[in-house]
Amino acid sequence: MTNAPLFVFKMRAVARPTDPYYVTRWDRATPVEVVAATKQEAINKADATLGSAGAHRYWVFRVDSVRDVLIPTEATT
C-alpha cells in the first residue's frame, strides 16, 4: 500500500469585500496551515475551517510555503 503524497500548506487568508473598489489588506491576514494533497484541496479546507467571511465578503488566500510530509498509515493484515 502506498501513501498519497501530502503537503503542508502555510497560507494567509483575508476577508475581501465583493466590491472591487476596496484594496485587499494583506497586513490584516489570518495565518492558516493545512495538510492536503493539492493546492485547491488546501484552499477548500482552509475555507471550511475559517467559516463565513462576513456579509458581502469572501476569503482570498495567498500561499506562503509548501512542505511535503509523509504521514504513515497503519498496515492492515
PDB file of N, CA and C in Angstrom:
ATOM      1  N   MET A   1       0.844  -1.183   0.000  1.00  0.00           N
ATOM      2  CA  MET A   1       0.000   0.000   0.000  1.00  0.00           C
ATOM      3  C   MET A   1       0.890   1.248   0.000  1.00  0.00           C
ATOM      4  N   THR A   2       0.625   2.150  -0.897  1.00  0.00           N
ATOM      5  CA  THR A   2       1.413   3.376  -0.967  1.00  0.00           C
ATOM      6  C   THR A   2       0.623   4.533  -0.378  1.00  0.00           C
ATOM      7  N   ASN A   3       1.338   5.466   0.179  1.00  0.00           N
ATOM      8  CA  ASN A   3       0.712   6.667   0.733  1.00  0.00           C
ATOM      9  C   ASN A   3       0.592   7.723  -0.355  1.00  0.00           C
ATOM     10  N   ALA A   4      -0.534   8.392  -0.378  1.00  0.00           N
ATOM     11  CA  ALA A   4      -0.695   9.511  -1.311  1.00  0.00           C
ATOM     12  C   ALA A   4       0.197  10.646  -0.836  1.00  0.00           C
ATOM     13  N   PRO A   5       0.803  11.378  -1.744  1.00  0.00           N
ATOM     14  CA  PRO A   5       1.648  12.492  -1.310  1.00  0.00           C
ATOM     15  C   PRO A   5       0.800  13.570  -0.628  1.00  0.00           C
ATOM     16  N   LEU A   6       1.289  14.044   0.505  1.00  0.00           N
ATOM     17  CA  LEU A   6       0.611  15.112   1.229  1.00  0.00           C
ATOM     18  C   LEU A   6       1.577  16.259   1.457  1.00  0.00           C
ATOM     19  N   PHE A   7       1.030  17.435   1.569  1.00  0.00           N
ATOM     20  CA  PHE A   7       1.842  18.635   1.739  1.00  0.00           C
ATOM     21  C   PHE A   7       1.250  19.498   2.842  1.00  0.00           C
ATOM     22  N   VAL A   8       2.110  20.227   3.520  1.00  0.00           N
ATOM     23  CA  VAL A   8       1.669  21.218   4.490  1.00  0.00           C
ATOM     24  C   VAL A   8       1.701  22.566   3.776  1.00  0.00           C
ATOM     25  N   PHE A   9       0.548  23.186   3.672  1.00  0.00           N
ATOM     26  CA  PHE A   9       0.422  24.498   3.037  1.00  0.00           C
ATOM     27  C   PHE A   9       0.320  25.554   4.123  1.00  0.00           C
ATOM     28  N   LYS A  10       1.254  26.500   4.128  1.00  0.00           N
ATOM     29  CA  LYS A  10       1.165  27.658   5.011  1.00  0.00           C
ATOM     30  C   LYS A  10       0.655  28.811   4.165  1.00  0.00           C
ATOM     31  N   MET A  11      -0.493  29.349   4.581  1.00  0.00           N
ATOM     32  CA  MET A  11      -1.157  30.371   3.789  1.00  0.00           C
ATOM     33  C   MET A  11      -1.579  31.533   4.676  1.00  0.00           C
ATOM     34  N   ARG A  12      -1.985  32.596   4.009  1.00  0.00           N
ATOM     35  CA  ARG A  12      -2.633  33.730   4.672  1.00  0.00           C
ATOM     36  C   ARG A  12      -4.003  33.890   4.038  1.00  0.00           C
ATOM     37  N   ALA A  13      -4.978  34.264   4.865  1.00  0.00           N
ATOM     38  CA  ALA A  13      -6.344  34.462   4.375  1.00  0.00           C
ATOM     39  C   ALA A  13      -6.827  35.852   4.759  1.00  0.00           C
ATOM     40  N   VAL A  14      -7.543  36.473   3.830  1.00  0.00           N
ATOM     41  CA  VAL A  14      -8.107  37.805   4.062  1.00  0.00           C
ATOM     42  C   VAL A  14      -9.564  37.780   3.604  1.00  0.00           C
ATOM     43  N   ALA A  15     -10.433  38.359   4.429  1.00  0.00           N
ATOM     44  CA  ALA A  15     -11.833  38.513   4.039  1.00  0.00           C
ATOM     45  C   ALA A  15     -11.917  39.732   3.132  1.00  0.00           C
ATOM     46  N   ARG A  16     -12.168  39.483   1.865  1.00  0.00           N
ATOM     47  CA  ARG A  16     -12.169  40.554   0.865  1.00  0.00           C
ATOM     48  C   ARG A  16     -13.603  40.954   0.522  1.00  0.00           C
ATOM     49  N   PRO A  17     -13.874  42.252   0.437  1.00  0.00           N
ATOM     50  CA  PRO A  17     -15.215  42.684   0.041  1.00  0.00           C
ATOM     51  C   PRO A  17     -15.489  42.339  -1.424  1.00  0.00           C
ATOM     52  N   THR A  18     -16.752  42.119  -1.738  1.00  0.00           N
ATOM     53  CA  THR A  18     -17.115  41.803  -3.119  1.00  0.00           C
ATOM     54  C   THR A  18     -16.987  43.017  -4.032  1.00  0.00           C
ATOM     55  N   ASP A  19     -16.982  44.202  -3.455  1.00  0.00           N
ATOM     56  CA  ASP A  19     -16.829  45.439  -4.226  1.00  0.00           C
ATOM     57  C   ASP A  19     -15.357  45.615  -4.598  1.00  0.00           C
ATOM     58  N   PRO A  20     -15.006  45.659  -5.889  1.00  0.00           N
ATOM     59  CA  PRO A  20     -13.591  45.763  -6.291  1.00  0.00           C
ATOM     60  C   PRO A  20     -12.955  47.114  -5.967  1.00  0.00           C
ATOM     61  N   TYR A  21     -13.719  48.055  -5.467  1.00  0.00           N
ATOM     62  CA  TYR A  21     -13.182  49.366  -5.119  1.00  0.00           C
ATOM     63  C   TYR A  21     -12.154  49.263  -3.986  1.00  0.00           C
ATOM     64  N   TYR A  22     -12.370  48.361  -3.054  1.00  0.00           N
ATOM     65  CA  TYR A  22     -11.513  48.245  -1.876  1.00  0.00           C
ATOM     66  C   TYR A  22     -10.261  47.425  -2.160  1.00  0.00           C
ATOM     67  N   VAL A  23      -9.175  47.781  -1.502  1.00  0.00           N
ATOM     68  CA  VAL A  23      -7.891  47.096  -1.642  1.00  0.00           C
ATOM     69  C   VAL A  23      -7.829  45.946  -0.640  1.00  0.00           C
ATOM     70  N   THR A  24      -7.280  44.814  -1.051  1.00  0.00           N
ATOM     71  CA  THR A  24      -7.106  43.679  -0.149  1.00  0.00           C
ATOM     72  C   THR A  24      -6.030  44.019   0.869  1.00  0.00           C
ATOM     73  N   ARG A  25      -6.356  43.915   2.148  1.00  0.00           N
ATOM     74  CA  ARG A  25      -5.443  44.273   3.237  1.00  0.00           C
ATOM     75  C   ARG A  25      -4.685  43.042   3.733  1.00  0.00           C
ATOM     76  N   TRP A  26      -3.568  42.725   3.058  1.00  0.00           N
ATOM     77  CA  TRP A  26      -2.770  41.558   3.455  1.00  0.00           C
ATOM     78  C   TRP A  26      -2.092  41.766   4.797  1.00  0.00           C
ATOM     79  N   ASP A  27      -1.960  43.008   5.261  1.00  0.00           N
ATOM     80  CA  ASP A  27      -1.371  43.249   6.576  1.00  0.00           C
ATOM     81  C   ASP A  27      -2.309  42.806   7.706  1.00  0.00           C
ATOM     82  N   ARG A  28      -3.567  42.529   7.380  1.00  0.00           N
ATOM     83  CA  ARG A  28      -4.544  42.047   8.364  1.00  0.00           C
ATOM     84  C   ARG A  28      -4.889  40.573   8.147  1.00  0.00           C
ATOM     85  N   ALA A  29      -4.016  39.858   7.471  1.00  0.00           N
ATOM     86  CA  ALA A  29      -4.279  38.459   7.114  1.00  0.00           C
ATOM     87  C   ALA A  29      -4.252  37.538   8.326  1.00  0.00           C
ATOM     88  N   THR A  30      -5.019  36.458   8.207  1.00  0.00           N
ATOM     89  CA  THR A  30      -5.057  35.398   9.215  1.00  0.00           C
ATOM     90  C   THR A  30      -4.177  34.257   8.731  1.00  0.00           C
ATOM     91  N   PRO A  31      -3.183  33.833   9.524  1.00  0.00           N
ATOM     92  CA  PRO A  31      -2.361  32.703   9.097  1.00  0.00           C
ATOM     93  C   PRO A  31      -3.147  31.396   9.195  1.00  0.00           C
ATOM     94  N   VAL A  32      -2.973  30.534   8.194  1.00  0.00           N
ATOM     95  CA  VAL A  32      -3.657  29.242   8.137  1.00  0.00           C
ATOM     96  C   VAL A  32      -2.644  28.191   7.708  1.00  0.00           C
ATOM     97  N   GLU A  33      -2.702  27.017   8.340  1.00  0.00           N
ATOM     98  CA  GLU A  33      -1.829  25.908   7.962  1.00  0.00           C
ATOM     99  C   GLU A  33      -2.679  24.654   7.851  1.00  0.00           C
ATOM    100  N   VAL A  34      -2.650  24.006   6.689  1.00  0.00           N
ATOM    101  CA  VAL A  34      -3.441  22.794   6.456  1.00  0.00           C
ATOM    102  C   VAL A  34      -2.596  21.735   5.759  1.00  0.00           C
ATOM    103  N   VAL A  35      -3.010  20.483   5.930  1.00  0.00           N
ATOM    104  CA  VAL A  35      -2.379  19.355   5.247  1.00  0.00           C
ATOM    105  C   VAL A  35      -3.324  18.918   4.141  1.00  0.00           C
ATOM    106  N   ALA A  36      -2.823  18.862   2.918  1.00  0.00           N
ATOM    107  CA  ALA A  36      -3.652  18.500   1.770  1.00  0.00           C
ATOM    108  C   ALA A  36      -2.775  17.938   0.654  1.00  0.00           C
ATOM    109  N   ALA A  37      -3.431  17.310  -0.318  1.00  0.00           N
ATOM    110  CA  ALA A  37      -2.708  16.726  -1.449  1.00  0.00           C
ATOM    111  C   ALA A  37      -2.490  17.735  -2.578  1.00  0.00           C
ATOM    112  N   THR A  38      -3.387  18.729  -2.689  1.00  0.00           N
ATOM    113  CA  THR A  38      -3.279  19.717  -3.756  1.00  0.00           C
ATOM    114  C   THR A  38      -3.546  21.115  -3.202  1.00  0.00           C
ATOM    115  N   LYS A  39      -3.182  22.115  -3.972  1.00  0.00           N
ATOM    116  CA  LYS A  39      -3.427  23.499  -3.566  1.00  0.00           C
ATOM    117  C   LYS A  39      -4.921  23.769  -3.437  1.00  0.00           C
ATOM    118  N   GLN A  40      -5.713  23.277  -4.384  1.00  0.00           N
ATOM    119  CA  GLN A  40      -7.157  23.501  -4.329  1.00  0.00           C
ATOM    120  C   GLN A  40      -7.776  22.843  -3.100  1.00  0.00           C
ATOM    121  N   GLU A  41      -7.325  21.647  -2.768  1.00  0.00           N
ATOM    122  CA  GLU A  41      -7.818  20.973  -1.569  1.00  0.00           C
ATOM    123  C   GLU A  41      -7.443  21.769  -0.321  1.00  0.00           C
ATOM    124  N   ALA A  42      -6.241  22.325  -0.304  1.00  0.00           N
ATOM    125  CA  ALA A  42      -5.805  23.140   0.833  1.00  0.00           C
ATOM    126  C   ALA A  42      -6.678  24.383   0.979  1.00  0.00           C
ATOM    127  N   ILE A  43      -6.991  25.035  -0.127  1.00  0.00           N
ATOM    128  CA  ILE A  43      -7.858  26.223  -0.088  1.00  0.00           C
ATOM    129  C   ILE A  43      -9.257  25.841   0.381  1.00  0.00           C
ATOM    130  N   ASN A  44      -9.777  24.715  -0.106  1.00  0.00           N
ATOM    131  CA  ASN A  44     -11.105  24.267   0.322  1.00  0.00           C
ATOM    132  C   ASN A  44     -11.138  23.979   1.822  1.00  0.00           C
ATOM    133  N   LYS A  45     -10.097  23.317   2.335  1.00  0.00           N
ATOM    134  CA  LYS A  45     -10.037  23.017   3.768  1.00  0.00           C
ATOM    135  C   LYS A  45      -9.921  24.297   4.595  1.00  0.00           C
ATOM    136  N   ALA A  46      -9.084  25.215   4.153  1.00  0.00           N
ATOM    137  CA  ALA A  46      -8.917  26.474   4.880  1.00  0.00           C
ATOM    138  C   ALA A  46     -10.211  27.270   4.876  1.00  0.00           C
ATOM    139  N   ASP A  47     -10.892  27.290   3.740  1.00  0.00           N
ATOM    140  CA  ASP A  47     -12.167  27.999   3.624  1.00  0.00           C
ATOM    141  C   ASP A  47     -13.200  27.407   4.580  1.00  0.00           C
ATOM    142  N   ALA A  48     -13.267  26.086   4.648  1.00  0.00           N
ATOM    143  CA  ALA A  48     -14.205  25.420   5.552  1.00  0.00           C
ATOM    144  C   ALA A  48     -13.846  25.682   7.018  1.00  0.00           C
ATOM    145  N   THR A  49     -12.557  25.711   7.314  1.00  0.00           N
ATOM    146  CA  THR A  49     -12.110  25.951   8.683  1.00  0.00           C
ATOM    147  C   THR A  49     -12.431  27.370   9.140  1.00  0.00           C
ATOM    148  N   LEU A  50     -12.252  28.339   8.269  1.00  0.00           N
ATOM    149  CA  LEU A  50     -12.469  29.738   8.641  1.00  0.00           C
ATOM    150  C   LEU A  50     -13.943  30.110   8.723  1.00  0.00           C
ATOM    151  N   GLY A  51     -14.776  29.378   8.016  1.00  0.00           N
ATOM    152  CA  GLY A  51     -16.207  29.680   8.044  1.00  0.00           C
ATOM    153  C   GLY A  51     -16.534  30.895   7.194  1.00  0.00           C
ATOM    154  N   SER A  52     -17.618  31.558   7.549  1.00  0.00           N
ATOM    155  CA  SER A  52     -18.085  32.701   6.770  1.00  0.00           C
ATOM    156  C   SER A  52     -17.125  33.884   6.905  1.00  0.00           C
ATOM    157  N   ALA A  53     -16.901  34.563   5.801  1.00  0.00           N
ATOM    158  CA  ALA A  53     -16.035  35.749   5.813  1.00  0.00           C
ATOM    159  C   ALA A  53     -16.802  37.003   6.218  1.00  0.00           C
ATOM    160  N   GLY A  54     -18.099  36.900   6.337  1.00  0.00           N
ATOM    161  CA  GLY A  54     -18.911  38.051   6.713  1.00  0.00           C
ATOM    162  C   GLY A  54     -19.791  38.505   5.560  1.00  0.00           C
ATOM    163  N   ALA A  55     -20.652  39.450   5.876  1.00  0.00           N
ATOM    164  CA  ALA A  55     -21.593  39.956   4.878  1.00  0.00           C
ATOM    165  C   ALA A  55     -20.847  40.628   3.726  1.00  0.00           C
ATOM    166  N   HIS A  56     -21.190  40.253   2.505  1.00  0.00           N
ATOM    167  CA  HIS A  56     -20.632  40.831   1.273  1.00  0.00           C
ATOM    168  C   HIS A  56     -19.115  40.696   1.207  1.00  0.00           C
ATOM    169  N   ARG A  57     -18.580  39.599   1.754  1.00  0.00           N
ATOM    170  CA  ARG A  57     -17.138  39.335   1.742  1.00  0.00           C
ATOM    171  C   ARG A  57     -16.896  37.873   1.368  1.00  0.00           C
ATOM    172  N   TYR A  58     -15.686  37.584   0.900  1.00  0.00           N
ATOM    173  CA  TYR A  58     -15.275  36.208   0.637  1.00  0.00           C
ATOM    174  C   TYR A  58     -13.791  36.092   0.972  1.00  0.00           C
ATOM    175  N   TRP A  59     -13.347  34.864   1.251  1.00  0.00           N
ATOM    176  CA  TRP A  59     -11.949  34.631   1.597  1.00  0.00           C
ATOM    177  C   TRP A  59     -11.082  34.585   0.346  1.00  0.00           C
ATOM    178  N   VAL A  60      -9.938  35.235   0.424  1.00  0.00           N
ATOM    179  CA  VAL A  60      -8.894  35.078  -0.594  1.00  0.00           C
ATOM    180  C   VAL A  60      -7.649  34.560   0.123  1.00  0.00           C
ATOM    181  N   PHE A  61      -6.876  33.742  -0.577  1.00  0.00           N
ATOM    182  CA  PHE A  61      -5.741  33.069   0.042  1.00  0.00           C
ATOM    183  C   PHE A  61      -4.464  33.364  -0.723  1.00  0.00           C
ATOM    184  N   ARG A  62      -3.372  33.413   0.017  1.00  0.00           N
ATOM    185  CA  ARG A  62      -2.041  33.547  -0.566  1.00  0.00           C
ATOM    186  C   ARG A  62      -1.164  32.465   0.075  1.00  0.00           C
ATOM    187  N   VAL A  63      -0.609  31.587  -0.745  1.00  0.00           N
ATOM    188  CA  VAL A  63       0.239  30.505  -0.244  1.00  0.00           C
ATOM    189  C   VAL A  63       1.645  31.053  -0.014  1.00  0.00           C
ATOM    190  N   ASP A  64       2.126  30.902   1.215  1.00  0.00           N
ATOM    191  CA  ASP A  64       3.469  31.369   1.556  1.00  0.00           C
ATOM    192  C   ASP A  64       4.517  30.279   1.378  1.00  0.00           C
ATOM    193  N   SER A  65       4.167  29.045   1.746  1.00  0.00           N
ATOM    194  CA  SER A  65       5.129  27.954   1.583  1.00  0.00           C
ATOM    195  C   SER A  65       4.389  26.624   1.524  1.00  0.00           C
ATOM    196  N   VAL A  66       5.069  25.653   0.902  1.00  0.00           N
ATOM    197  CA  VAL A  66       4.553  24.293   0.792  1.00  0.00           C
ATOM    198  C   VAL A  66       5.688  23.352   1.182  1.00  0.00           C
ATOM    199  N   ARG A  67       5.370  22.417   2.069  1.00  0.00           N
ATOM    200  CA  ARG A  67       6.372  21.447   2.528  1.00  0.00           C
ATOM    201  C   ARG A  67       5.767  20.063   2.393  1.00  0.00           C
ATOM    202  N   ASP A  68       6.504  19.136   1.800  1.00  0.00           N
ATOM    203  CA  ASP A  68       5.961  17.781   1.672  1.00  0.00           C
ATOM    204  C   ASP A  68       6.177  17.011   2.967  1.00  0.00           C
ATOM    205  N   VAL A  69       5.198  16.169   3.289  1.00  0.00           N
ATOM    206  CA  VAL A  69       5.246  15.359   4.508  1.00  0.00           C
ATOM    207  C   VAL A  69       4.833  13.937   4.168  1.00  0.00           C
ATOM    208  N   LEU A  70       5.288  13.014   4.965  1.00  0.00           N
ATOM    209  CA  LEU A  70       4.890  11.621   4.819  1.00  0.00           C
ATOM    210  C   LEU A  70       4.163  11.241   6.088  1.00  0.00           C
ATOM    211  N   ILE A  71       2.868  10.999   5.966  1.00  0.00           N
ATOM    212  CA  ILE A  71       2.077  10.580   7.112  1.00  0.00           C
ATOM    213  C   ILE A  71       1.860   9.087   6.986  1.00  0.00           C
ATOM    214  N   PRO A  72       2.457   8.299   7.880  1.00  0.00           N
ATOM    215  CA  PRO A  72       2.345   6.841   7.747  1.00  0.00           C
ATOM    216  C   PRO A  72       0.922   6.356   8.032  1.00  0.00           C
ATOM    217  N   THR A  73       0.509   5.358   7.297  1.00  0.00           N
ATOM    218  CA  THR A  73      -0.777   4.712   7.558  1.00  0.00           C
ATOM    219  C   THR A  73      -0.513   3.373   8.211  1.00  0.00           C
ATOM    220  N   GLU A  74      -1.454   2.914   9.002  1.00  0.00           N
ATOM    221  CA  GLU A  74      -1.289   1.624   9.657  1.00  0.00           C
ATOM    222  C   GLU A  74      -1.424   0.510   8.621  1.00  0.00           C
ATOM    223  N   ALA A  75      -0.566  -0.466   8.743  1.00  0.00           N
ATOM    224  CA  ALA A  75      -0.611  -1.615   7.831  1.00  0.00           C
ATOM    225  C   ALA A  75      -1.782  -2.509   8.228  1.00  0.00           C
ATOM    226  N   THR A  76      -2.542  -2.926   7.241  1.00  0.00           N
ATOM    227  CA  THR A  76      -3.651  -3.834   7.514  1.00  0.00           C
ATOM    228  C   THR A  76      -3.217  -5.250   7.177  1.00  0.00           C
ATOM    229  N   THR A  77      -3.569  -6.174   8.004  1.00  0.00           N
ATOM    230  CA  THR A  77      -3.179  -7.557   7.752  1.00  0.00           C
ATOM    231  C   THR A  77      -4.380  -8.436   7.629  1.00  0.00           C
TER     232      THR A  77
END
